[in-house]
Amino acid sequence: MEIDSGNTAWLLISSALVMLMTPGVAFFYGGMVRRKNLLSTIMMSFVCLALVGLIWVIYGYSLAFGNDTAGIIGGLNYLGLPNVGLGASDTYATTVPHLAFIIFQAMFAIITVALFTGAVVERIKFSSLLVISVLWVTLVYCPVAHWVWGDGGWLYNLGALDFAGGTVVHINAGIAALALVLLLGRRKGFPQTPMEANNIPLVVLGASLLWFGWYGFNAGSSLAADGLAASAFVTTTVAAAASAFTWMIISWIQRRPSVLGTVTGAVGGLVAITPAAGFVTPMGAIAIGIGAGLICYFCLLLMKTKLHFDDSLDVFAVHGVGGIWGAIATGIFASSSVNGYSGLLEGNVQQFLIQILAVVVVAAFTFVMTMIIGKTVEKTMGLRVSSQEEIVGLDLSQHGERAYGGLLR
């Protein structure tokens, strides 16, 4: 097909917006950790731009979107992007240069890894995290992306709906976080020692960058500058707003309207609307956002205060649980008036059941594979820093720098 300049411009802008989400994650996470681990936390996100970006071009894109092999994995026909010129793909985003689609998808792979780092900050060895990231992108992210989005992928063929990554990105990252936390154990002193955020304004900045970048994430997933992109833009906005307001009200009822809680609620709403953004109406998006605010809030409360589960920055409660809710809610609220797909409220029970199946399969696969990867790394090179390094903080012990003091002399 002929290249459409408007679609190309929108997809390139969307790619840049999604790229900005990774520094957004870095600030969002960095502000929530203790001062002695701020740089380490930011570095975990930022290095994903370099590491995963290279992997994606060398072989990741090929495994995710290459020629299908039994619905499970892509082939090696795009290894190193040979013969990928300036023309469009015959299969994906057929009105833009193939390279535009490739780089757009690269940003999704990058941020998925950055997301799960928030669960293991303040105690994981940086070298081990790098090895885990390489193995995880290769053995978990690429297969799941192919299942859901790849031409011939078995969940794609089954009819599972994931407009912009609720399953591929958020459930994937959230379940990986759960597995790694179980392997690593709690931080030293948790839950007795207070572990307050070092810079809440930085958290708000990060959340704001995430919300801004999410328009590329969701509206960009239309892969065209069209009405569907506009619809996804609107649903993204109102779902985040509804979830943020819901979280604020709950925290206000409990004690006070927390700033940290409100921005976390916004992120939860953005997570939940991601799989549904191109399939639901604005009112459906509001319902999804309210549900996300309620479900993620009480899940976080349960994990932290009742189970004392040390997911440092609540990746499972926000991204895992929010992604699960969003994927299932897509099967409930999908409206044929938006994109031709109907959900449970329009009488389509089958779509609802397919969404549940996709959630269960991806969650089980990701959990088992992440446990295997993490256990392998633990046995060969170790996962945790030493007790003394953890006390000193990962900024100094892993990177030789202070967030507010510069280079260690």
Protein backbone atom coordinates (compact mmCIF):
# COMPACT_ATOMS: atom_id res chain seq x y z
CA MET A 1 0.00 0.00 0.00
CA GLU A 2 1.00 3.62 -0.47
CA ILE A 3 2.71 5.34 2.45
CA ASP A 4 0.41 7.82 4.20
CA SER A 5 2.38 10.83 5.47
CA GLY A 6 -0.18 11.69 8.16
CA ASN A 7 -0.19 8.18 9.58
CA THR A 8 3.59 8.08 9.45
CA ALA A 9 3.91 11.37 11.29
CA TRP A 10 1.49 10.25 13.98
CA LEU A 11 3.24 6.91 14.51
CA LEU A 12 6.67 8.54 14.78
CA ILE A 13 5.32 11.09 17.26
CA SER A 14 3.65 8.27 19.18
CA SER A 15 6.95 6.36 19.28
CA ALA A 16 8.64 9.41 20.79
CA LEU A 17 5.82 9.76 23.33
CA VAL A 18 6.18 6.13 24.39
CA MET A 19 9.94 6.58 24.64
CA LEU A 20 9.31 9.46 27.07
CA MET A 21 7.37 7.07 29.29
CA THR A 22 10.55 5.22 30.28
CA PRO A 23 12.18 8.34 31.82
CA GLY A 24 8.72 8.94 33.28
CA VAL A 25 8.88 5.53 34.95
CA ALA A 26 12.41 6.36 36.15
CA PHE A 27 11.24 9.55 37.88
CA PHE A 28 8.01 7.95 39.14
CA TYR A 29 9.91 5.08 40.71
CA GLY A 30 12.94 7.16 41.69
CA GLY A 31 10.91 9.55 43.81
CA MET A 32 9.32 6.70 45.75
CA VAL A 33 12.49 5.00 46.96
CA ARG A 34 14.77 6.10 49.78
CA ARG A 35 17.33 8.77 49.00
CA LYS A 36 20.25 6.33 49.03
CA ASN A 37 18.68 4.35 46.15
CA LEU A 38 17.40 7.13 43.89
CA LEU A 39 20.10 6.96 41.20
CA SER A 40 20.11 3.17 41.19
CA THR A 41 16.36 3.11 40.58
CA ILE A 42 16.53 5.68 37.78
CA MET A 43 19.40 3.75 36.18
CA MET A 44 17.38 0.53 36.14
CA SER A 45 14.79 2.19 33.92
CA PHE A 46 17.15 4.25 31.80
CA VAL A 47 19.44 1.34 30.92
CA CYS A 48 16.44 -0.43 29.36
CA LEU A 49 16.48 2.15 26.58
CA ALA A 50 19.98 1.04 25.67
CA LEU A 51 19.84 -2.68 26.37
CA VAL A 52 16.36 -3.60 25.12
CA GLY A 53 16.61 -1.15 22.24
CA LEU A 54 19.62 -3.05 20.90
CA ILE A 55 18.06 -6.46 21.50
CA TRP A 56 14.91 -5.41 19.64
CA VAL A 57 16.76 -4.47 16.46
CA ILE A 58 19.17 -7.42 16.54
CA TYR A 59 16.61 -10.20 17.10
CA GLY A 60 13.70 -9.19 19.35
CA TYR A 61 11.45 -7.78 16.65
CA SER A 62 11.99 -10.87 14.55
CA LEU A 63 10.99 -13.21 17.38
CA ALA A 64 7.88 -11.16 18.13
CA PHE A 65 6.73 -10.21 14.63
CA GLY A 66 8.66 -12.44 12.24
CA ASN A 67 7.16 -15.26 10.19
CA ASP A 68 4.93 -17.34 12.43
CA THR A 69 6.01 -20.72 13.80
CA ALA A 70 3.03 -22.76 15.04
CA GLY A 71 1.43 -19.68 16.59
CA ILE A 72 4.12 -19.64 19.30
CA ILE A 73 7.04 -17.53 18.12
CA GLY A 74 8.19 -15.46 15.18
CA GLY A 75 10.90 -16.59 12.80
CA LEU A 76 14.34 -15.17 12.16
CA ASN A 77 13.50 -13.44 8.89
CA TYR A 78 13.97 -9.99 10.47
CA LEU A 79 17.18 -10.85 12.31
CA GLY A 80 19.18 -7.61 12.28
CA LEU A 81 16.44 -6.05 10.12
CA PRO A 82 17.80 -7.22 6.76
CA ASN A 83 16.13 -5.76 3.68
CA VAL A 84 13.75 -3.66 5.80
CA GLY A 85 13.60 -0.62 3.61
CA LEU A 86 11.58 2.55 3.70
CA GLY A 87 8.44 0.94 2.35
CA ALA A 88 5.50 -0.49 4.27
CA SER A 89 5.18 -3.99 5.66
CA ASP A 90 2.76 -6.29 3.87
CA THR A 91 1.42 -7.41 7.25
CA TYR A 92 1.75 -4.75 9.96
CA ALA A 93 0.76 -1.07 9.82
CA THR A 94 0.57 -1.16 6.02
CA THR A 95 0.29 2.62 5.49
CA VAL A 96 3.55 3.59 7.22
CA PRO A 97 7.22 2.66 6.68
CA HIS A 98 8.00 -0.70 8.23
CA LEU A 99 10.76 0.92 10.27
CA ALA A 100 8.20 3.19 11.92
CA PHE A 101 6.24 0.19 13.15
CA ILE A 102 9.44 -1.51 14.31
CA ILE A 103 10.57 1.45 16.43
CA PHE A 104 7.06 1.94 17.83
CA GLN A 105 7.05 -1.66 19.04
CA ALA A 106 10.59 -1.28 20.38
CA MET A 107 9.35 1.33 22.85
CA PHE A 108 6.77 -1.13 24.20
CA ALA A 109 9.41 -3.78 24.83
CA ILE A 110 11.66 -1.23 26.52
CA ILE A 111 9.07 0.06 28.97
CA THR A 112 7.82 -3.42 29.86
CA VAL A 113 11.20 -4.31 31.33
CA ALA A 114 11.50 -0.90 33.00
CA LEU A 115 8.15 -1.47 34.71
CA PHE A 116 9.05 -4.65 36.57
CA THR A 117 12.29 -3.17 37.93
CA GLY A 118 10.17 -1.20 40.40
CA ALA A 119 9.42 -4.36 42.34
CA VAL A 120 13.06 -5.22 43.02
CA VAL A 121 14.71 -1.86 43.67
CA GLU A 122 16.86 -1.25 46.75
CA ARG A 123 18.18 -4.83 46.89
CA ILE A 124 18.95 -6.38 43.48
CA LYS A 125 22.43 -6.52 41.93
CA PHE A 126 22.63 -4.33 38.84
CA SER A 127 24.59 -6.96 36.90
CA SER A 128 21.97 -9.60 37.71
CA LEU A 129 19.17 -7.29 36.61
CA LEU A 130 20.86 -6.82 33.23
CA VAL A 131 21.14 -10.57 32.68
CA ILE A 132 17.54 -11.14 33.77
CA SER A 133 16.40 -8.40 31.38
CA VAL A 134 18.12 -9.98 28.38
CA LEU A 135 16.73 -13.44 29.15
CA TRP A 136 13.26 -12.13 29.98
CA VAL A 137 12.84 -10.11 26.79
CA THR A 138 13.99 -13.10 24.76
CA LEU A 139 12.09 -15.89 26.49
CA VAL A 140 9.00 -14.12 27.83
CA TYR A 141 8.23 -10.80 26.17
CA CYS A 142 8.85 -11.82 22.57
CA PRO A 143 6.73 -15.01 22.70
CA VAL A 144 3.83 -13.26 24.46
CA ALA A 145 3.95 -10.34 22.01
CA HIS A 146 3.77 -12.84 19.16
CA TRP A 147 0.87 -14.75 20.72
CA VAL A 148 -1.22 -11.61 21.13
CA TRP A 149 -0.13 -9.28 18.31
CA GLY A 150 1.86 -11.34 15.83
CA ASP A 151 0.35 -12.46 12.55
CA GLY A 152 -0.47 -16.12 13.23
CA GLY A 153 -0.10 -15.83 17.00
CA TRP A 154 -2.43 -18.31 18.70
CA LEU A 155 -4.15 -15.80 21.01
CA TYR A 156 -4.47 -13.36 18.10
CA ASN A 157 -6.13 -16.08 16.04
CA LEU A 158 -8.37 -16.96 18.96
CA GLY A 159 -9.65 -13.39 19.02
CA ALA A 160 -8.09 -12.06 22.24
CA LEU A 161 -8.30 -8.26 22.36
CA ASP A 162 -5.38 -6.16 23.58
CA PHE A 163 -5.42 -2.77 21.92
CA ALA A 164 -2.21 -1.34 23.37
CA GLY A 165 -0.60 -3.81 25.76
CA GLY A 166 -2.71 -4.59 28.80
CA THR A 167 -1.70 -8.23 28.45
CA VAL A 168 1.58 -7.96 26.57
CA VAL A 169 2.98 -5.12 28.69
CA HIS A 170 1.21 -4.75 32.03
CA ILE A 171 0.15 -8.26 33.00
CA ASN A 172 3.50 -9.47 31.71
CA ALA A 173 5.45 -6.93 33.80
CA GLY A 174 3.23 -7.25 36.86
CA ILE A 175 3.46 -11.04 37.02
CA ALA A 176 7.21 -10.91 36.43
CA ALA A 177 7.42 -8.50 39.36
CA LEU A 178 5.50 -10.95 41.54
CA ALA A 179 7.86 -13.80 40.68
CA LEU A 180 11.03 -11.77 41.26
CA VAL A 181 9.82 -10.46 44.61
CA LEU A 182 9.16 -14.02 45.78
CA LEU A 183 12.70 -14.95 44.77
CA LEU A 184 14.40 -11.90 46.27
CA GLY A 185 12.54 -11.66 49.54
CA ARG A 186 11.95 -8.52 51.57
CA ARG A 187 14.21 -5.54 51.90
CA LYS A 188 16.29 -5.38 55.07
CA GLY A 189 14.08 -3.99 57.84
CA PHE A 190 10.77 -4.33 55.99
CA PRO A 191 8.07 -3.81 57.23
CA GLN A 192 9.29 -2.47 60.60
CA THR A 193 11.63 0.21 59.22
CA PRO A 194 9.91 3.24 57.63
CA MET A 195 10.70 3.41 53.92
CA GLU A 196 9.21 6.73 52.90
CA ALA A 197 9.42 8.29 49.45
CA ASN A 198 12.40 10.62 49.13
CA ASN A 199 10.84 13.07 46.65
CA ILE A 200 7.09 13.11 46.01
CA PRO A 201 7.29 16.04 43.53
CA LEU A 202 9.56 13.78 41.45
CA VAL A 203 6.88 11.08 41.60
CA VAL A 204 4.27 13.56 40.36
CA LEU A 205 6.58 14.62 37.52
CA GLY A 206 7.09 10.99 36.56
CA ALA A 207 3.36 10.26 36.65
CA SER A 208 2.68 13.33 34.53
CA LEU A 209 5.21 12.22 31.94
CA LEU A 210 3.62 8.78 31.96
CA TRP A 211 0.14 10.19 31.39
CA PHE A 212 1.44 12.41 28.60
CA GLY A 213 3.35 9.57 26.95
CA TRP A 214 0.40 7.21 27.33
CA TYR A 215 -1.38 9.05 24.51
CA GLY A 216 1.27 7.67 22.19
CA PHE A 217 0.95 4.29 23.88
CA ASN A 218 -2.83 4.02 23.41
CA ALA A 219 -3.88 6.44 20.67
CA GLY A 220 -0.74 5.53 18.72
CA SER A 221 -1.83 1.89 18.73
CA SER A 222 -4.47 2.78 16.16
CA LEU A 223 -1.43 2.90 13.85
CA ALA A 224 -3.14 5.70 11.94
CA ALA A 225 -4.17 9.31 12.44
CA ASP A 226 -7.86 8.49 12.40
CA GLY A 227 -11.06 8.46 14.41
CA LEU A 228 -10.03 5.37 16.35
CA ALA A 229 -6.92 7.20 17.56
CA ALA A 230 -9.13 10.07 18.72
CA SER A 231 -11.44 7.64 20.51
CA ALA A 232 -8.50 5.99 22.27
CA PHE A 233 -7.18 9.42 23.26
CA VAL A 234 -10.48 10.26 24.94
CA THR A 235 -10.93 6.91 26.69
CA THR A 236 -7.36 7.10 27.98
CA THR A 237 -8.02 10.52 29.49
CA VAL A 238 -11.26 9.71 31.26
CA ALA A 239 -10.14 6.33 32.59
CA ALA A 240 -7.05 7.88 34.19
CA ALA A 241 -9.14 10.75 35.57
CA ALA A 242 -11.77 8.41 37.02
CA SER A 243 -9.19 6.16 38.66
CA ALA A 244 -7.18 9.06 40.11
CA PHE A 245 -10.32 10.66 41.57
CA THR A 246 -11.56 7.34 42.95
CA TRP A 247 -8.21 6.64 44.64
CA MET A 248 -8.15 10.17 46.09
CA ILE A 249 -11.64 9.81 47.56
CA ILE A 250 -10.86 6.42 49.12
CA SER A 251 -7.63 7.71 50.69
CA TRP A 252 -9.53 10.78 51.92
CA ILE A 253 -12.18 8.62 53.57
CA GLN A 254 -9.44 6.58 55.22
CA ARG A 255 -7.33 9.54 56.29
CA ARG A 256 -6.34 12.37 53.92
CA PRO A 257 -6.34 12.91 50.12
CA SER A 258 -2.84 11.61 49.40
CA VAL A 259 -0.82 13.13 46.55
CA LEU A 260 1.19 9.94 46.13
CA GLY A 261 -2.00 7.90 46.13
CA THR A 262 -3.78 10.12 43.62
CA VAL A 263 -1.00 9.91 41.04
CA THR A 264 -0.71 6.17 41.62
CA GLY A 265 -4.44 5.94 40.97
CA ALA A 266 -4.00 7.77 37.69
CA VAL A 267 -1.35 5.26 36.61
CA GLY A 268 -3.65 2.40 37.61
CA GLY A 269 -6.38 3.83 35.41
CA LEU A 270 -3.98 4.21 32.50
CA VAL A 271 -2.92 0.59 32.92
CA ALA A 272 -6.51 -0.67 33.00
CA ILE A 273 -7.65 1.24 29.91
CA THR A 274 -4.65 0.15 27.83
CA PRO A 275 -6.13 -3.11 26.48
CA ALA A 276 -9.57 -1.52 26.05
CA ALA A 277 -8.72 1.94 24.71
CA GLY A 278 -9.74 1.21 21.13
CA PHE A 279 -12.75 -0.95 21.93
CA VAL A 280 -14.85 0.93 24.51
CA THR A 281 -16.89 4.12 24.69
CA PRO A 282 -15.96 7.02 27.01
CA MET A 283 -18.57 5.90 29.55
CA GLY A 284 -17.17 2.38 29.46
CA ALA A 285 -13.72 3.87 30.05
CA ILE A 286 -14.98 5.75 33.12
CA ALA A 287 -16.34 2.49 34.54
CA ILE A 288 -13.00 0.80 33.89
CA GLY A 289 -11.17 3.69 35.59
CA ILE A 290 -13.38 3.58 38.68
CA GLY A 291 -12.89 -0.18 38.86
CA ALA A 292 -9.12 0.25 38.60
CA GLY A 293 -9.07 2.82 41.39
CA LEU A 294 -10.99 0.52 43.71
CA ILE A 295 -9.34 -2.78 42.83
CA CYS A 296 -5.73 -1.55 42.73
CA TYR A 297 -6.11 0.46 45.94
CA PHE A 298 -7.41 -2.43 48.01
CA CYS A 299 -4.99 -4.90 46.45
CA LEU A 300 -2.08 -2.60 47.35
CA LEU A 301 -3.43 -2.25 50.88
CA LEU A 302 -3.75 -6.01 51.22
CA MET A 303 -0.26 -6.70 49.91
CA LYS A 304 1.44 -4.06 52.05
CA THR A 305 -0.39 -4.05 55.35
CA LYS A 306 -1.83 -7.55 55.65
CA LEU A 307 0.51 -9.84 53.73
CA HIS A 308 3.64 -7.69 54.19
CA PHE A 309 4.59 -8.50 50.61
CA ASP A 310 7.60 -6.37 49.70
CA ASP A 311 6.89 -5.36 46.12
CA SER A 312 8.90 -2.16 46.62
CA LEU A 313 6.89 0.14 44.34
CA ASP A 314 3.66 -1.86 44.01
CA VAL A 315 4.22 -3.06 40.47
CA PHE A 316 2.04 -6.14 40.89
CA ALA A 317 -0.83 -4.27 42.56
CA VAL A 318 -0.89 -1.48 39.95
CA HIS A 319 0.34 -3.07 36.72
CA GLY A 320 -0.39 -6.74 37.27
CA VAL A 321 -3.80 -6.38 38.90
CA GLY A 322 -4.67 -3.27 36.89
CA GLY A 323 -3.74 -5.08 33.68
CA ILE A 324 -5.79 -8.13 34.63
CA TRP A 325 -8.81 -5.97 35.40
CA GLY A 326 -8.37 -4.05 32.14
CA ALA A 327 -8.09 -7.19 30.01
CA ILE A 328 -11.19 -8.71 31.57
CA ALA A 329 -13.04 -5.38 31.45
CA THR A 330 -12.32 -5.23 27.72
CA GLY A 331 -14.39 -8.39 27.42
CA ILE A 332 -17.16 -6.73 29.42
CA PHE A 333 -17.34 -3.19 28.01
CA ALA A 334 -16.21 -3.61 24.38
CA SER A 335 -18.73 -1.85 22.14
CA SER A 336 -19.33 -2.71 18.50
CA SER A 337 -20.02 0.99 17.86
CA VAL A 338 -16.34 1.79 18.45
CA ASN A 339 -14.30 -0.82 16.62
CA GLY A 340 -16.69 -3.60 15.66
CA TYR A 341 -16.06 -5.79 18.72
CA SER A 342 -18.70 -6.43 21.36
CA GLY A 343 -18.33 -7.58 24.96
CA LEU A 344 -20.40 -9.15 27.69
CA LEU A 345 -22.71 -6.15 28.07
CA GLU A 346 -23.69 -6.56 24.41
CA GLY A 347 -24.28 -10.27 24.86
CA ASN A 348 -20.91 -11.57 23.66
CA VAL A 349 -20.05 -14.13 26.34
CA GLN A 350 -17.42 -15.76 24.13
CA GLN A 351 -15.28 -12.61 24.02
CA PHE A 352 -15.43 -12.35 27.79
CA LEU A 353 -14.26 -15.96 28.17
CA ILE A 354 -11.46 -15.48 25.62
CA GLN A 355 -10.18 -12.51 27.61
CA ILE A 356 -10.11 -14.57 30.80
CA LEU A 357 -8.27 -17.37 29.01
CA ALA A 358 -5.66 -14.95 27.69
CA VAL A 359 -5.11 -13.52 31.18
CA VAL A 360 -4.69 -16.94 32.79
CA VAL A 361 -2.37 -18.32 30.11
CA VAL A 362 -0.11 -15.28 29.94
CA ALA A 363 0.05 -14.91 33.72
CA ALA A 364 0.93 -18.59 34.20
CA PHE A 365 3.53 -18.59 31.44
CA THR A 366 5.17 -15.38 32.62
CA PHE A 367 5.26 -16.46 36.26
CA VAL A 368 6.84 -19.85 35.55
CA MET A 369 9.36 -18.52 33.03
CA THR A 370 10.37 -15.59 35.23
CA MET A 371 10.87 -17.92 38.19
CA ILE A 372 13.09 -20.16 36.05
CA ILE A 373 15.10 -17.20 34.76
CA GLY A 374 15.43 -15.64 38.21
CA LYS A 375 16.39 -18.90 39.87
CA THR A 376 19.02 -19.57 37.20
CA VAL A 377 20.58 -16.16 37.71
CA GLU A 378 20.41 -16.58 41.49
CA LYS A 379 22.30 -19.89 41.32
CA THR A 380 24.95 -18.65 38.89
CA MET A 381 25.69 -15.05 39.90
CA GLY A 382 23.40 -14.20 42.79
CA LEU A 383 20.44 -11.83 42.89
CA ARG A 384 20.85 -9.68 45.97
CA VAL A 385 23.54 -7.25 46.99
CA SER A 386 25.26 -7.98 50.30
CA SER A 387 23.68 -6.87 53.57
CA GLN A 388 26.27 -4.11 53.95
CA GLU A 389 25.72 -2.86 50.39
CA GLU A 390 21.99 -2.74 51.02
CA ILE A 391 22.50 -0.70 54.19
CA VAL A 392 24.81 1.75 52.43
CA GLY A 393 22.42 2.02 49.50
CA LEU A 394 22.66 0.93 45.88
CA ASP A 395 23.61 4.38 44.61
CA LEU A 396 27.02 4.11 46.26
CA SER A 397 27.46 0.34 46.35
CA GLN A 398 26.45 -0.32 42.73
CA HIS A 399 27.23 2.94 40.93
CA GLY A 400 29.63 4.95 43.10
CA GLU A 401 27.46 8.06 42.95
CA ARG A 402 25.12 10.06 45.16
CA ALA A 403 21.86 11.53 43.83
CA TYR A 404 22.45 14.76 45.75
CA GLY A 405 26.20 14.68 46.10
CA GLY A 406 27.69 13.71 42.77
CA LEU A 407 30.45 11.22 42.05
CA LEU A 408 32.03 9.24 44.89
CA ARG A 409 35.64 10.42 45.19
